Protein backbone atom coordinates (compact mmCIF):
# COMPACT_ATOMS: atom_id res chain seq x y z
CA MET A 1 39.70 -31.18 41.36
CA ASN A 2 37.97 -31.05 44.71
CA LYS A 3 36.70 -27.50 44.02
CA PHE A 4 35.28 -28.64 40.71
CA PHE A 5 33.16 -31.35 42.37
CA CYS A 6 31.98 -28.89 45.04
CA VAL A 7 30.80 -26.43 42.36
CA ILE A 8 28.96 -29.20 40.45
CA ILE A 9 27.22 -30.40 43.65
CA GLN A 10 26.19 -26.83 44.55
CA ILE A 11 24.73 -26.27 41.08
CA LEU A 12 22.75 -29.49 41.28
CA LEU A 13 21.44 -28.69 44.77
CA PHE A 14 20.41 -25.12 43.97
CA SER A 15 18.80 -26.05 40.65
CA ALA A 16 16.55 -28.57 42.43
CA PHE A 17 14.92 -25.72 44.40
CA VAL A 18 14.27 -23.49 41.37
CA TYR A 19 11.13 -25.28 40.14
CA ALA A 20 7.87 -24.18 41.77
CA GLU A 21 5.21 -26.74 42.65
CA GLU A 22 2.17 -24.47 42.45
CA GLN A 23 1.32 -21.88 39.82
CA VAL A 24 0.81 -18.38 41.22
CA VAL A 25 -2.48 -16.79 40.08
CA ASP A 26 -2.96 -13.05 40.15
CA ASN A 27 -6.58 -12.26 41.10
CA PHE A 28 -6.16 -8.48 41.32
CA PRO A 29 -7.10 -7.63 37.67
CA ALA A 30 -10.24 -9.79 37.80
CA GLU A 31 -11.36 -8.20 41.07
CA TRP A 32 -10.49 -4.68 39.94
CA TYR A 33 -12.41 -4.81 36.65
CA LYS A 34 -15.45 -6.87 37.74
CA ASP A 35 -17.63 -3.79 38.47
CA LYS A 36 -16.12 -1.54 35.75
CA GLU A 37 -17.16 -1.30 32.13
CA VAL A 38 -14.29 -1.89 29.71
CA LYS A 39 -14.77 -0.71 26.14
CA ILE A 40 -13.29 -2.98 23.52
CA ILE A 41 -11.98 -1.08 20.51
CA GLU A 42 -12.95 -2.82 17.31
CA PRO A 43 -10.60 -2.56 14.31
CA ASN A 44 -11.75 -0.69 11.22
CA LEU A 45 -12.49 -3.58 8.87
CA GLU A 46 -13.56 -1.32 6.01
CA TYR A 47 -10.08 0.20 5.61
CA ASP A 48 -7.79 -1.32 2.99
CA TYR A 49 -4.55 -2.14 4.82
CA SER A 50 -2.89 -3.68 1.76
CA SER A 51 -1.17 -0.40 0.85
CA LEU A 52 0.54 1.46 3.67
CA LYS A 53 2.44 3.83 1.40
CA ARG A 54 2.77 7.33 2.85
CA GLU A 55 3.20 10.62 1.07
CA LYS A 56 4.77 13.67 2.63
CA ILE A 57 2.67 16.82 2.24
CA ILE A 58 4.52 20.05 2.95
CA LEU A 59 2.29 22.80 4.35
CA SER A 60 3.04 26.44 5.05
CA PRO A 61 1.02 29.03 6.99
CA VAL A 62 -0.97 31.65 5.10
CA GLU A 63 -0.32 34.31 7.77
CA LYS A 64 2.48 34.91 10.24
CA TYR A 65 1.63 33.68 13.75
CA SER A 66 3.44 34.66 16.92
CA THR A 67 2.92 33.37 20.47
CA PRO A 68 2.62 36.70 22.32
CA HIS A 69 -0.05 38.00 19.92
CA ASN A 70 -3.50 36.40 19.80
CA VAL A 71 -2.56 32.70 19.83
CA TYR A 72 -4.56 30.37 22.05
CA ASP A 73 -5.17 26.63 22.47
CA GLY A 74 -7.76 25.36 20.01
CA MET A 75 -7.17 28.20 17.56
CA PRO A 76 -7.59 27.25 13.88
CA ILE A 77 -4.57 28.05 11.72
CA LYS A 78 -4.93 28.54 7.95
CA LEU A 79 -2.37 26.64 5.89
CA LYS A 80 -1.76 25.88 2.22
CA VAL A 81 0.00 23.09 0.35
CA LYS A 82 3.49 24.23 -0.57
CA ARG A 83 4.33 21.65 -3.30
CA ASN A 84 2.33 19.44 -5.65
CA VAL A 85 1.84 15.90 -4.28
CA ARG A 86 0.50 12.84 -6.09
CA ILE A 87 -1.59 10.64 -3.78
CA GLY A 88 -2.61 7.52 -5.65
CA ARG A 89 -4.20 8.78 -8.87
CA ASN A 90 -5.10 12.17 -7.41
CA LEU A 91 -2.93 15.26 -7.61
CA LEU A 92 -2.93 17.64 -4.65
CA MET A 93 -2.10 21.02 -6.16
CA HIS A 94 0.13 23.76 -4.81
CA GLY A 95 -1.97 26.32 -2.90
CA THR A 96 -4.72 23.90 -1.83
CA PRO A 97 -6.19 25.25 1.44
CA ALA A 98 -5.72 23.36 4.70
CA THR A 99 -6.37 24.04 8.37
CA ALA A 100 -4.74 22.92 11.61
CA ILE A 101 -5.58 23.38 15.29
CA VAL A 102 -3.16 24.80 17.88
CA GLU A 103 -3.00 22.01 20.46
CA LEU A 104 -0.48 23.66 22.78
CA TYR A 105 1.48 26.86 22.87
CA THR A 106 4.02 28.27 25.28
CA THR A 107 5.42 31.76 25.34
CA ASN A 108 9.07 32.77 25.62
CA GLY A 109 10.79 32.04 28.90
CA MET A 110 12.57 34.56 31.03
CA THR A 111 16.04 33.11 30.47
CA GLY A 112 15.91 32.76 26.68
CA ILE A 113 13.71 29.65 26.53
CA PRO A 114 12.07 29.70 23.08
CA ALA A 115 8.34 29.83 22.41
CA THR A 116 6.66 26.75 20.92
CA ILE A 117 3.47 26.14 18.97
CA THR A 118 2.20 22.57 18.59
CA LEU A 119 -0.13 21.92 15.66
CA GLY A 120 -2.40 18.92 15.16
CA GLN A 121 -5.74 17.84 13.64
CA VAL A 122 -4.80 18.86 10.12
CA SER A 123 -7.51 18.80 7.48
CA ILE A 124 -6.81 19.34 3.78
CA GLN A 125 -9.50 20.12 1.26
CA GLY A 126 -10.16 17.05 -0.89
CA LEU A 127 -8.58 14.48 1.47
CA ASP A 128 -10.14 12.21 4.09
CA ASP A 129 -9.18 13.58 7.54
CA SER A 130 -8.96 10.09 9.05
CA LYS A 131 -6.07 9.23 6.72
CA ILE A 132 -3.99 12.30 7.60
CA TYR A 133 -1.44 12.06 10.40
CA CYS A 134 0.27 15.27 11.40
CA TYR A 135 1.87 16.50 14.57
CA ASP A 136 4.14 19.50 14.26
CA ILE A 137 6.07 21.44 16.87
CA GLU A 138 7.45 24.80 15.82
CA THR A 139 10.09 26.32 18.09
CA GLY A 140 11.38 29.88 18.18
CA GLN A 141 14.96 31.03 18.43
CA ASN A 142 16.83 29.50 21.37
CA LYS A 143 18.97 32.08 23.17
CA ASN A 144 20.30 29.80 25.90
CA ILE A 145 24.05 29.53 26.00
């Protein structure tokens, strides 16, 4: 019983010191940004956010690309739509041309590390580029054991 009262008294004493009297104000951000220009990004108010439905568009390359042969960052890659896709009331037909940009590529490693090609900035004929989101990483055969 005596231990119980000691624990209660300790809790009451320690909880009395938990509350701070003065609010701590951090002045560093105000001082850091006072001579810097900060751009405020405005939302796109013209876009209709009521429908956020997404459609998957499967693309395939027109030619065969390989990392050791003539691939570089920023290179445009020719693609085509592999399957018909209905987007709203529009039909995106099979074979519609598209392009993508090689954002990053790495060649094969010495110990069997596979090559990778990262594609981005996809544009498809007949679609608004700002409504397309694509980021694709293609990896070669992994020979690590």
